[in-house]
C-alpha atoms as a PDB file:
ATOM      1  CA  UNK A   1       0.017   0.010  -0.008  1.00  0.00           C
ATOM      2  CA  UNK A   2       2.749   2.420   1.022  1.00  0.00           C
ATOM      3  CA  UNK A   3       4.809   1.505  -2.099  1.00  0.00           C
ATOM      4  CA  UNK A   4       1.742   2.095  -4.327  1.00  0.00           C
ATOM      5  CA  UNK A   5       1.091   5.423  -2.534  1.00  0.00           C
ATOM      6  CA  UNK A   6       4.764   6.548  -3.091  1.00  0.00           C
ATOM      7  CA  UNK A   7       4.614   5.582  -6.804  1.00  0.00           C
ATOM      8  CA  UNK A   8       1.464   7.554  -7.202  1.00  0.00           C
ATOM      9  CA  UNK A   9       3.077  10.582  -5.651  1.00  0.00           C
ATOM     10  CA  UNK A  10       6.214  10.336  -7.821  1.00  0.00           C
ATOM     11  CA  UNK A  11       4.109   9.938 -10.933  1.00  0.00           C
ATOM     12  CA  UNK A  12       2.071  13.117  -9.884  1.00  0.00           C
ATOM     13  CA  UNK A  13       5.188  15.117  -9.361  1.00  0.00           C
ATOM     14  CA  UNK A  14       6.598  13.857 -12.698  1.00  0.00           C
ATOM     15  CA  UNK A  15       3.476  14.969 -14.538  1.00  0.00           C
ATOM     16  CA  UNK A  16       3.639  18.335 -12.842  1.00  0.00           C
ATOM     17  CA  UNK A  17       7.134  18.870 -13.869  1.00  0.00           C
ATOM     18  CA  UNK A  18       6.672  17.865 -17.397  1.00  0.00           C
ATOM     19  CA  UNK A  19       3.589  19.978 -17.771  1.00  0.00           C
ATOM     20  CA  UNK A  20       5.258  23.077 -16.412  1.00  0.00           C
ATOM     21  CA  UNK A  21       8.122  22.671 -18.837  1.00  0.00           C
ATOM     22  CA  UNK A  22       6.128  23.467 -21.998  1.00  0.00           C
ATOM     23  CA  UNK A  23       4.068  26.049 -20.138  1.00  0.00           C
ATOM     24  CA  UNK A  24       7.282  27.797 -19.115  1.00  0.00           C
ATOM     25  CA  UNK A  25       8.605  27.670 -22.760  1.00  0.00           C
ATOM     26  CA  UNK A  26       5.308  29.034 -24.112  1.00  0.00           C
ATOM     27  CA  UNK A  27       5.471  32.002 -21.733  1.00  0.00           C
ATOM     28  CA  UNK A  28       9.071  32.743 -22.764  1.00  0.00           C
ATOM     29  CA  UNK A  29      10.296  35.389 -22.867  1.00  0.00           C
ATOM     30  CA  UNK A  30       8.861  37.007 -19.659  1.00  0.00           C
ATOM     31  CA  UNK A  31      11.120  40.133 -19.646  1.00  0.00           C
ATOM     32  CA  UNK A  32      13.517  41.976 -22.007  1.00  0.00           C
ATOM     33  CA  UNK A  33      16.368  40.004 -23.514  1.00  0.00           C
ATOM     34  CA  UNK A  34      19.876  41.041 -23.028  1.00  0.00           C
ATOM     35  CA  UNK A  35      22.341  40.430 -25.872  1.00  0.00           C
ATOM     36  CA  UNK A  36      25.852  40.788 -24.592  1.00  0.00           C
ATOM     37  CA  UNK A  37      28.487  41.666 -27.138  1.00  0.00           C
ATOM     38  CA  UNK A  38      31.601  43.713 -27.875  1.00  0.00           C
ATOM     39  CA  UNK A  39      31.922  47.486 -27.849  1.00  0.00           C
ATOM     40  CA  UNK A  40      29.771  49.553 -30.244  1.00  0.00           C
ATOM     41  CA  UNK A  41      31.209  49.948 -33.684  1.00  0.00           C
ATOM     42  CA  UNK A  42      33.058  46.533 -33.528  1.00  0.00           C
ATOM     43  CA  UNK A  43      32.480  43.464 -35.754  1.00  0.00           C
ATOM     44  CA  UNK A  44      30.243  41.880 -33.279  1.00  0.00           C
ATOM     45  CA  UNK A  45      27.957  44.858 -32.671  1.00  0.00           C
ATOM     46  CA  UNK A  46      26.247  45.188 -36.009  1.00  0.00           C
ATOM     47  CA  UNK A  47      24.866  41.573 -36.156  1.00  0.00           C
ATOM     48  CA  UNK A  48      23.824  41.805 -32.502  1.00  0.00           C
ATOM     49  CA  UNK A  49      21.670  45.096 -33.332  1.00  0.00           C
ATOM     50  CA  UNK A  50      20.303  43.435 -36.386  1.00  0.00           C
ATOM     51  CA  UNK A  51      19.113  40.409 -34.432  1.00  0.00           C
ATOM     52  CA  UNK A  52      17.738  42.503 -31.562  1.00  0.00           C
ATOM     53  CA  UNK A  53      15.666  44.669 -33.897  1.00  0.00           C
ATOM     54  CA  UNK A  54      14.412  41.744 -35.827  1.00  0.00           C
ATOM     55  CA  UNK A  55      13.393  39.530 -32.805  1.00  0.00           C
ATOM     56  CA  UNK A  56      11.573  42.258 -30.792  1.00  0.00           C
ATOM     57  CA  UNK A  57       8.276  41.771 -32.717  1.00  0.00           C
ATOM     58  CA  UNK A  58       8.263  37.863 -32.948  1.00  0.00           C
ATOM     59  CA  UNK A  59       9.210  37.412 -29.213  1.00  0.00           C
ATOM     60  CA  UNK A  60       7.118  40.209 -27.902  1.00  0.00           C
ATOM     61  CA  UNK A  61       9.819  41.669 -25.764  1.00  0.00           C
ATOM     62  CA  UNK A  62      12.414  44.411 -26.037  1.00  0.00           C
ATOM     63  CA  UNK A  63      15.988  43.113 -26.860  1.00  0.00           C
ATOM     64  CA  UNK A  64      18.681  45.268 -25.446  1.00  0.00           C
ATOM     65  CA  UNK A  65      22.258  45.281 -26.826  1.00  0.00           C
ATOM     66  CA  UNK A  66      24.600  45.335 -23.855  1.00  0.00           C
ATOM     67  CA  UNK A  67      28.089  46.404 -25.243  1.00  0.00           C
ATOM     68  CA  UNK A  68      30.979  45.209 -22.911  1.00  0.00           C
ATOM     69  CA  UNK A  69      34.720  44.794 -23.147  1.00  0.00           C
ATOM     70  CA  UNK A  70      35.472  42.009 -25.561  1.00  0.00           C
ATOM     71  CA  UNK A  71      37.446  40.036 -22.873  1.00  0.00           C
ATOM     72  CA  UNK A  72      34.448  40.031 -20.568  1.00  0.00           C
ATOM     73  CA  UNK A  73      31.485  39.046 -22.689  1.00  0.00           C
ATOM     74  CA  UNK A  74      31.910  35.342 -22.759  1.00  0.00           C
ATOM     75  CA  UNK A  75      32.365  35.221 -19.046  1.00  0.00           C
ATOM     76  CA  UNK A  76      29.324  37.380 -18.384  1.00  0.00           C
ATOM     77  CA  UNK A  77      27.076  35.084 -20.474  1.00  0.00           C
ATOM     78  CA  UNK A  78      28.500  31.840 -19.151  1.00  0.00           C
ATOM     79  CA  UNK A  79      27.638  32.949 -15.599  1.00  0.00           C
ATOM     80  CA  UNK A  80      24.139  34.296 -16.443  1.00  0.00           C
ATOM     81  CA  UNK A  81      20.959  32.301 -15.530  1.00  0.00           C
ATOM     82  CA  UNK A  82      20.287  29.696 -18.274  1.00  0.00           C
ATOM     83  CA  UNK A  83      16.744  31.051 -18.950  1.00  0.00           C
ATOM     84  CA  UNK A  84      17.129  32.552 -22.428  1.00  0.00           C
ATOM     85  CA  UNK A  85      17.110  36.092 -21.235  1.00  0.00           C
ATOM     86  CA  UNK A  86      20.848  36.667 -21.620  1.00  0.00           C
ATOM     87  CA  UNK A  87      22.461  35.867 -24.978  1.00  0.00           C
ATOM     88  CA  UNK A  88      25.823  36.287 -26.602  1.00  0.00           C
ATOM     89  CA  UNK A  89      26.810  37.478 -30.062  1.00  0.00           C
ATOM     90  CA  UNK A  90      30.520  36.932 -30.611  1.00  0.00           C
ATOM     91  CA  UNK A  91      32.997  35.922 -33.384  1.00  0.00           C
ATOM     92  CA  UNK A  92      35.229  32.891 -33.804  1.00  0.00           C
ATOM     93  CA  UNK A  93      37.727  34.272 -31.249  1.00  0.00           C
ATOM     94  CA  UNK A  94      35.093  32.917 -28.844  1.00  0.00           C
ATOM     95  CA  UNK A  95      36.186  29.304 -29.584  1.00  0.00           C
ATOM     96  CA  UNK A  96      39.635  29.835 -30.999  1.00  0.00           C
ATOM     97  CA  UNK A  97      40.850  32.274 -28.256  1.00  0.00           C
ATOM     98  CA  UNK A  98      41.272  29.473 -25.662  1.00  0.00           C
ATOM     99  CA  UNK A  99      43.864  27.863 -27.978  1.00  0.00           C
ATOM    100  CA  UNK A 100      45.953  30.923 -27.688  1.00  0.00           C
ATOM    101  CA  UNK A 101      45.511  32.031 -24.133  1.00  0.00           C
ATOM    102  CA  UNK A 102      43.829  30.780 -20.880  1.00  0.00           C
ATOM    103  CA  UNK A 103      40.219  31.752 -20.498  1.00  0.00           C
ATOM    104  CA  UNK A 104      37.705  31.550 -17.726  1.00  0.00           C
ATOM    105  CA  UNK A 105      35.254  29.508 -19.934  1.00  0.00           C
ATOM    106  CA  UNK A 106      35.039  26.480 -22.030  1.00  0.00           C
ATOM    107  CA  UNK A 107      33.649  27.465 -25.441  1.00  0.00           C
ATOM    108  CA  UNK A 108      31.802  24.149 -25.923  1.00  0.00           C
ATOM    109  CA  UNK A 109      30.602  23.096 -22.327  1.00  0.00           C
ATOM    110  CA  UNK A 110      29.719  26.473 -21.049  1.00  0.00           C
ATOM    111  CA  UNK A 111      27.410  27.602 -23.808  1.00  0.00           C
ATOM    112  CA  UNK A 112      24.310  26.504 -25.702  1.00  0.00           C
ATOM    113  CA  UNK A 113      24.952  27.207 -29.398  1.00  0.00           C
ATOM    114  CA  UNK A 114      21.968  28.640 -31.126  1.00  0.00           C
ATOM    115  CA  UNK A 115      23.035  29.368 -34.787  1.00  0.00           C
ATOM    116  CA  UNK A 116      25.922  30.694 -36.816  1.00  0.00           C
ATOM    117  CA  UNK A 117      24.875  34.193 -37.905  1.00  0.00           C
ATOM    118  CA  UNK A 118      27.130  35.266 -40.729  1.00  0.00           C
ATOM    119  CA  UNK A 119      30.450  34.750 -42.446  1.00  0.00           C
ATOM    120  CA  UNK A 120      32.759  36.987 -44.488  1.00  0.00           C
ATOM    121  CA  UNK A 121      36.180  36.289 -46.065  1.00  0.00           C
ATOM    122  CA  UNK A 122      39.203  37.936 -44.750  1.00  0.00           C
ATOM    123  CA  UNK A 123      41.026  40.075 -47.325  1.00  0.00           C
ATOM    124  CA  UNK A 124      44.724  40.603 -47.374  1.00  0.00           C
ATOM    125  CA  UNK A 125      45.265  44.303 -47.710  1.00  0.00           C
ATOM    126  CA  UNK A 126      48.431  46.487 -47.856  1.00  0.00           C
ATOM    127  CA  UNK A 127      49.152  50.124 -47.798  1.00  0.00           C
ATOM    128  CA  UNK A 128      49.007  51.454 -51.444  1.00  0.00           C
ATOM    129  CA  UNK A 129      52.806  52.560 -51.109  1.00  0.00           C
ATOM    130  CA  UNK A 130      53.852  48.919 -50.712  1.00  0.00           C
ATOM    131  CA  UNK A 131      55.589  47.712 -53.856  1.00  0.00           C
ATOM    132  CA  UNK A 132      53.568  44.515 -54.066  1.00  0.00           C
ATOM    133  CA  UNK A 133      50.324  43.620 -56.103  1.00  0.00           C
ATOM    134  CA  UNK A 134      50.092  39.994 -55.288  1.00  0.00           C
ATOM    135  CA  UNK A 135      50.592  37.289 -52.581  1.00  0.00           C
ATOM    136  CA  UNK A 136      53.620  35.993 -54.182  1.00  0.00           C
ATOM    137  CA  UNK A 137      55.192  39.507 -54.301  1.00  0.00           C
ATOM    138  CA  UNK A 138      54.533  40.110 -50.812  1.00  0.00           C
ATOM    139  CA  UNK A 139      56.032  36.771 -49.880  1.00  0.00           C
ATOM    140  CA  UNK A 140      59.210  37.582 -51.963  1.00  0.00           C
ATOM    141  CA  UNK A 141      59.506  41.037 -50.225  1.00  0.00           C
ATOM    142  CA  UNK A 142      59.085  39.500 -46.714  1.00  0.00           C
ATOM    143  CA  UNK A 143      61.857  36.986 -47.492  1.00  0.00           C
ATOM    144  CA  UNK A 144      64.118  39.733 -48.667  1.00  0.00           C
ATOM    145  CA  UNK A 145      63.420  41.798 -45.662  1.00  0.00           C
ATOM    146  CA  UNK A 146      62.942  39.355 -42.746  1.00  0.00           C
ATOM    147  CA  UNK A 147      61.441  40.939 -39.619  1.00  0.00           C
ATOM    148  CA  UNK A 148      61.116  44.402 -41.260  1.00  0.00           C
ATOM    149  CA  UNK A 149      57.471  44.148 -42.447  1.00  0.00           C
ATOM    150  CA  UNK A 150      54.523  43.934 -40.075  1.00  0.00           C
ATOM    151  CA  UNK A 151      50.908  43.000 -39.823  1.00  0.00           C
ATOM    152  CA  UNK A 152      48.418  44.962 -37.707  1.00  0.00           C
ATOM    153  CA  UNK A 153      46.088  42.712 -35.648  1.00  0.00           C
ATOM    154  CA  UNK A 154      42.984  43.615 -33.559  1.00  0.00           C
ATOM    155  CA  UNK A 155      42.928  41.020 -30.780  1.00  0.00           C
ATOM    156  CA  UNK A 156      44.056  37.530 -29.825  1.00  0.00           C
ATOM    157  CA  UNK A 157      42.136  34.871 -31.569  1.00  0.00           C
ATOM    158  CA  UNK A 158      40.565  37.137 -34.209  1.00  0.00           C
ATOM    159  CA  UNK A 159      40.590  36.235 -37.814  1.00  0.00           C
ATOM    160  CA  UNK A 160      43.294  38.861 -38.561  1.00  0.00           C
ATOM    161  CA  UNK A 161      45.360  37.570 -35.788  1.00  0.00           C
ATOM    162  CA  UNK A 162      45.141  33.978 -36.838  1.00  0.00           C
ATOM    163  CA  UNK A 163      45.534  34.896 -40.628  1.00  0.00           C
ATOM    164  CA  UNK A 164      48.933  36.623 -39.712  1.00  0.00           C
ATOM    165  CA  UNK A 165      50.079  33.537 -37.922  1.00  0.00           C
ATOM    166  CA  UNK A 166      49.096  31.052 -40.605  1.00  0.00           C
ATOM    167  CA  UNK A 167      50.505  33.338 -43.276  1.00  0.00           C
ATOM    168  CA  UNK A 168      53.927  33.450 -41.571  1.00  0.00           C
ATOM    169  CA  UNK A 169      54.003  29.734 -41.042  1.00  0.00           C
ATOM    170  CA  UNK A 170      52.774  28.585 -44.461  1.00  0.00           C
ATOM    171  CA  UNK A 171      54.952  31.152 -46.455  1.00  0.00           C
ATOM    172  CA  UNK A 172      58.004  30.610 -44.190  1.00  0.00           C
ATOM    173  CA  UNK A 173      58.304  34.367 -43.549  1.00  0.00           C
ATOM    174  CA  UNK A 174      58.593  36.621 -40.496  1.00  0.00           C
ATOM    175  CA  UNK A 175      56.090  39.544 -40.807  1.00  0.00           C
ATOM    176  CA  UNK A 176      55.872  40.965 -37.289  1.00  0.00           C
ATOM    177  CA  UNK A 177      52.358  41.128 -35.621  1.00  0.00           C
ATOM    178  CA  UNK A 178      51.648  44.681 -34.097  1.00  0.00           C
ATOM    179  CA  UNK A 179      48.689  44.496 -31.751  1.00  0.00           C
ATOM    180  CA  UNK A 180      45.907  47.194 -31.674  1.00  0.00           C
ATOM    181  CA  UNK A 181      42.879  47.732 -29.387  1.00  0.00           C
ATOM    182  CA  UNK A 182      40.319  46.341 -31.938  1.00  0.00           C
ATOM    183  CA  UNK A 183      40.059  45.863 -35.717  1.00  0.00           C
ATOM    184  CA  UNK A 184      39.188  49.366 -36.323  1.00  0.00           C
ATOM    185  CA  UNK A 185      42.364  50.890 -35.060  1.00  0.00           C
ATOM    186  CA  UNK A 186      44.263  48.132 -36.702  1.00  0.00           C
ATOM    187  CA  UNK A 187      42.638  48.932 -40.068  1.00  0.00           C
ATOM    188  CA  UNK A 188      43.359  52.640 -39.574  1.00  0.00           C
ATOM    189  CA  UNK A 189      47.092  51.826 -39.028  1.00  0.00           C
ATOM    190  CA  UNK A 190      47.386  50.215 -42.379  1.00  0.00           C
ATOM    191  CA  UNK A 191      45.577  53.156 -44.084  1.00  0.00           C
ATOM    192  CA  UNK A 192      47.902  55.667 -42.462  1.00  0.00           C
ATOM    193  CA  UNK A 193      50.979  53.704 -43.491  1.00  0.00           C
ATOM    194  CA  UNK A 194      51.883  53.014 -39.856  1.00  0.00           C
ATOM    195  CA  UNK A 195      51.703  49.328 -40.495  1.00  0.00           C
ATOM    196  CA  UNK A 196      52.291  47.482 -43.859  1.00  0.00           C
ATOM    197  CA  UNK A 197      49.511  44.813 -44.122  1.00  0.00           C
ATOM    198  CA  UNK A 198      46.544  43.231 -42.490  1.00  0.00           C
ATOM    199  CA  UNK A 199      43.973  40.604 -42.798  1.00  0.00           C
ATOM    200  CA  UNK A 200      40.953  42.760 -42.716  1.00  0.00           C
ATOM    201  CA  UNK A 201      37.283  41.737 -42.666  1.00  0.00           C
ATOM    202  CA  UNK A 202      35.455  42.221 -46.073  1.00  0.00           C
ATOM    203  CA  UNK A 203      32.972  44.489 -44.304  1.00  0.00           C
ATOM    204  CA  UNK A 204      35.658  46.700 -42.750  1.00  0.00           C
ATOM    205  CA  UNK A 205      38.040  46.856 -45.762  1.00  0.00           C
ATOM    206  CA  UNK A 206      35.651  47.023 -48.853  1.00  0.00           C
ATOM    207  CA  UNK A 207      35.041  50.793 -48.945  1.00  0.00           C
ATOM    208  CA  UNK A 208      38.631  51.557 -48.347  1.00  0.00           C
ATOM    209  CA  UNK A 209      39.722  49.245 -51.024  1.00  0.00           C
ATOM    210  CA  UNK A 210      37.330  51.021 -53.503  1.00  0.00           C
ATOM    211  CA  UNK A 211      38.544  54.499 -52.482  1.00  0.00           C
ATOM    212  CA  UNK A 212      42.200  53.445 -53.026  1.00  0.00           C
ATOM    213  CA  UNK A 213      43.193  53.913 -49.379  1.00  0.00           C
ATOM    214  CA  UNK A 214      44.113  50.169 -49.248  1.00  0.00           C
ATOM    215  CA  UNK A 215      45.167  47.674 -51.902  1.00  0.00           C
ATOM    216  CA  UNK A 216      43.645  44.176 -51.760  1.00  0.00           C
ATOM    217  CA  UNK A 217      45.841  41.275 -52.693  1.00  0.00           C
ATOM    218  CA  UNK A 218      43.731  38.156 -52.188  1.00  0.00           C
ATOM    219  CA  UNK A 219      40.857  36.842 -50.097  1.00  0.00           C
ATOM    220  CA  UNK A 220      41.021  34.159 -47.362  1.00  0.00           C
ATOM    221  CA  UNK A 221      37.964  32.072 -48.496  1.00  0.00           C
ATOM    222  CA  UNK A 222      38.289  28.743 -50.079  1.00  0.00           C
ATOM    223  CA  UNK A 223      36.675  29.997 -53.405  1.00  0.00           C
ATOM    224  CA  UNK A 224      36.766  33.467 -54.967  1.00  0.00           C
ATOM    225  CA  UNK A 225      34.327  35.758 -53.395  1.00  0.00           C
ATOM    226  CA  UNK A 226      31.562  37.758 -55.090  1.00  0.00           C
ATOM    227  CA  UNK A 227      32.455  40.488 -52.502  1.00  0.00           C
ATOM    228  CA  UNK A 228      35.762  41.086 -54.392  1.00  0.00           C
ATOM    229  CA  UNK A 229      35.294  40.242 -58.107  1.00  0.00           C
ATOM    230  CA  UNK A 230      38.440  39.195 -59.863  1.00  0.00           C
ATOM    231  CA  UNK A 231      40.411  38.885 -56.615  1.00  0.00           C
ATOM    232  CA  UNK A 232      42.206  35.490 -56.307  1.00  0.00           C
ATOM    233  CA  UNK A 233      42.171  33.409 -53.093  1.00  0.00           C
ATOM    234  CA  UNK A 234      45.240  33.159 -50.978  1.00  0.00           C
ATOM    235  CA  UNK A 235      45.120  29.384 -51.388  1.00  0.00           C
ATOM    236  CA  UNK A 236      45.537  29.692 -55.120  1.00  0.00           C
ATOM    237  CA  UNK A 237      48.202  32.254 -54.813  1.00  0.00           C
ATOM    238  CA  UNK A 238      50.928  29.972 -53.453  1.00  0.00           C
ATOM    239  CA  UNK A 239      49.495  28.882 -50.011  1.00  0.00           C
ATOM    240  CA  UNK A 240      47.326  25.826 -50.469  1.00  0.00           C
ATOM    241  CA  UNK A 241      44.842  25.124 -47.652  1.00  0.00           C
ATOM    242  CA  UNK A 242      44.934  28.659 -46.426  1.00  0.00           C
ATOM    243  CA  UNK A 243      41.559  29.649 -45.071  1.00  0.00           C
ATOM    244  CA  UNK A 244      40.668  32.840 -42.930  1.00  0.00           C
ATOM    245  CA  UNK A 245      37.110  34.083 -42.494  1.00  0.00           C
ATOM    246  CA  UNK A 246      35.317  36.389 -40.143  1.00  0.00           C
ATOM    247  CA  UNK A 247      32.380  34.682 -38.483  1.00  0.00           C
ATOM    248  CA  UNK A 248      29.662  35.604 -35.935  1.00  0.00           C
ATOM    249  CA  UNK A 249      27.401  33.249 -33.914  1.00  0.00           C
ATOM    250  CA  UNK A 250      24.718  33.415 -31.331  1.00  0.00           C
ATOM    251  CA  UNK A 251      24.904  31.578 -27.892  1.00  0.00           C
ATOM    252  CA  UNK A 252      22.994  31.200 -24.670  1.00  0.00           C
ATOM    253  CA  UNK A 253      24.353  29.882 -21.376  1.00  0.00           C
ATOM    254  CA  UNK A 254      24.791  26.091 -21.053  1.00  0.00           C
ATOM    255  CA  UNK A 255      21.723  24.539 -19.487  1.00  0.00           C
ATOM    256  CA  UNK A 256      19.218  26.742 -21.321  1.00  0.00           C
ATOM    257  CA  UNK A 257      16.121  24.587 -21.893  1.00  0.00           C
ATOM    258  CA  UNK A 258      16.276  22.954 -25.381  1.00  0.00           C
ATOM    259  CA  UNK A 259      12.750  24.279 -26.220  1.00  0.00           C
ATOM    260  CA  UNK A 260      13.979  27.842 -25.701  1.00  0.00           C
ATOM    261  CA  UNK A 261      17.088  27.228 -27.772  1.00  0.00           C
ATOM    262  CA  UNK A 262      14.801  25.751 -30.477  1.00  0.00           C
ATOM    263  CA  UNK A 263      12.471  28.808 -30.319  1.00  0.00           C
ATOM    264  CA  UNK A 264      15.401  31.294 -30.745  1.00  0.00           C
ATOM    265  CA  UNK A 265      17.020  29.269 -33.482  1.00  0.00           C
ATOM    266  CA  UNK A 266      13.653  29.223 -35.349  1.00  0.00           C
ATOM    267  CA  UNK A 267      13.126  32.994 -35.114  1.00  0.00           C
ATOM    268  CA  UNK A 268      16.684  34.003 -35.822  1.00  0.00           C
ATOM    269  CA  UNK A 269      16.972  31.533 -38.794  1.00  0.00           C
ATOM    270  CA  UNK A 270      13.714  32.817 -40.215  1.00  0.00           C
ATOM    271  CA  UNK A 271      15.116  36.422 -40.161  1.00  0.00           C
ATOM    272  CA  UNK A 272      18.516  35.467 -41.544  1.00  0.00           C
ATOM    273  CA  UNK A 273      16.919  33.606 -44.453  1.00  0.00           C
ATOM    274  CA  UNK A 274      14.702  36.527 -45.397  1.00  0.00           C
ATOM    275  CA  UNK A 275      15.524  38.751 -48.464  1.00  0.00           C
ATOM    276  CA  UNK A 276      15.556  41.770 -46.063  1.00  0.00           C
ATOM    277  CA  UNK A 277      18.354  40.199 -43.915  1.00  0.00           C
ATOM    278  CA  UNK A 278      20.393  38.986 -46.780  1.00  0.00           C
ATOM    279  CA  UNK A 279      20.223  42.455 -48.423  1.00  0.00           C
ATOM    280  CA  UNK A 280      21.268  44.337 -45.197  1.00  0.00           C
ATOM    281  CA  UNK A 281      24.099  41.953 -44.399  1.00  0.00           C
ATOM    282  CA  UNK A 282      25.318  42.010 -47.948  1.00  0.00           C
ATOM    283  CA  UNK A 283      25.612  45.756 -48.004  1.00  0.00           C
ATOM    284  CA  UNK A 284      28.191  45.394 -45.155  1.00  0.00           C
ATOM    285  CA  UNK A 285      30.034  42.768 -47.249  1.00  0.00           C
ATOM    286  CA  UNK A 286      28.723  39.836 -45.023  1.00  0.00           C
ATOM    287  CA  UNK A 287      26.701  36.868 -46.017  1.00  0.00           C
ATOM    288  CA  UNK A 288      24.105  35.394 -43.618  1.00  0.00           C
ATOM    289  CA  UNK A 289      24.923  31.763 -42.618  1.00  0.00           C
ATOM    290  CA  UNK A 290      22.028  30.421 -40.437  1.00  0.00           C
ATOM    291  CA  UNK A 291      21.926  26.766 -39.423  1.00  0.00           C
ATOM    292  CA  UNK A 292      21.057  24.452 -36.521  1.00  0.00           C
ATOM    293  CA  UNK A 293      22.648  24.365 -32.983  1.00  0.00           C
ATOM    294  CA  UNK A 294      24.186  20.976 -34.005  1.00  0.00           C
ATOM    295  CA  UNK A 295      25.811  22.398 -37.148  1.00  0.00           C
ATOM    296  CA  UNK A 296      27.203  25.208 -35.187  1.00  0.00           C
ATOM    297  CA  UNK A 297      28.687  22.842 -32.680  1.00  0.00           C
ATOM    298  CA  UNK A 298      30.091  20.574 -35.251  1.00  0.00           C
ATOM    299  CA  UNK A 299      31.666  23.539 -37.123  1.00  0.00           C
ATOM    300  CA  UNK A 300      33.260  24.888 -33.920  1.00  0.00           C
ATOM    301  CA  UNK A 301      34.774  21.535 -33.158  1.00  0.00           C
ATOM    302  CA  UNK A 302      36.113  21.225 -36.627  1.00  0.00           C
ATOM    303  CA  UNK A 303      37.492  24.694 -36.625  1.00  0.00           C
ATOM    304  CA  UNK A 304      39.221  24.280 -33.362  1.00  0.00           C
ATOM    305  CA  UNK A 305      40.874  21.115 -34.366  1.00  0.00           C
ATOM    306  CA  UNK A 306      42.032  22.567 -37.701  1.00  0.00           C
ATOM    307  CA  UNK A 307      43.279  25.722 -36.013  1.00  0.00           C
ATOM    308  CA  UNK A 308      45.055  23.926 -33.209  1.00  0.00           C
ATOM    309  CA  UNK A 309      47.001  21.860 -35.800  1.00  0.00           C
ATOM    310  CA  UNK A 310      48.120  24.956 -37.536  1.00  0.00           C
ATOM    311  CA  UNK A 311      49.101  26.743 -34.284  1.00  0.00           C
ATOM    312  CA  UNK A 312      51.054  23.824 -32.948  1.00  0.00           C
ATOM    313  CA  UNK A 313      52.975  23.554 -36.252  1.00  0.00           C
ATOM    314  CA  UNK A 314      53.669  27.275 -36.082  1.00  0.00           C
ATOM    315  CA  UNK A 315      54.765  27.111 -32.482  1.00  0.00           C
ATOM    316  CA  UNK A 316      51.951  29.202 -31.164  1.00  0.00           C
ATOM    317  CA  UNK A 317      49.122  28.702 -28.689  1.00  0.00           C
ATOM    318  CA  UNK A 318      48.720  28.310 -24.938  1.00  0.00           C
ATOM    319  CA  UNK A 319      52.092  27.272 -23.333  1.00  0.00           C
END
């Protein structure tokens, strides 16, 4: 009798728990959603703002973009309540950075991936005064002047940082990395002639290439990019297997209910697949790249493994 009574109680509790799960999900969100991202004007800021604007209607709540120092954003979201009311928009430095320096978070274990947002090829640019018009000419000049040329980089783990490391390793040259506080100042340093070259983002470099303030040599994508008609890839310019892209993705804290992750994925993917989103992103030289949480996880793991192999071969990474 007692055993039967206990089983009945357990069953009743189980039913209650199961029934409140969907109810909680259906009521989500219950308050404004905070999207934590890097400082205003940086590469992460624009996709965060576009997503915030697009989701306010479908979710019925205000989405607030919370700009914080880049080094803090992952830690802030990792420690936030996993209820879908705190999200993270960040770039590939989020999962590549831990290969280069110790971090307070694990990019796989501490976050619930929602979707890849966009991607854009890196473009190798130089100051117009540089006597080079191709990747091969840059490599030849770097070999003739070892340690005299330099790359500007905007932060550890960013696509321009990794591009510089991979280029030096694959081309067997020594072009010195000069760090700046963000990709904006790094790009400005090349335009002023303070630094010789950089792996800029297509979005950041396009207008300056068109105006003649920068000279583009090649793109870091696996195939020629429609964003830079006629420009060859770095891989086809003497460095096979070279890949460098700028990416942004959306995350929630680990432990966020799957139903909430699925709802966010559904709404964000719907927006990113719309003609409006494709047009807005393309105007900033970026292509939308929506997908499932599982696809983002698989991509991150593959990218981590590939990059780790290159860094170890180049003698870089966490010591």
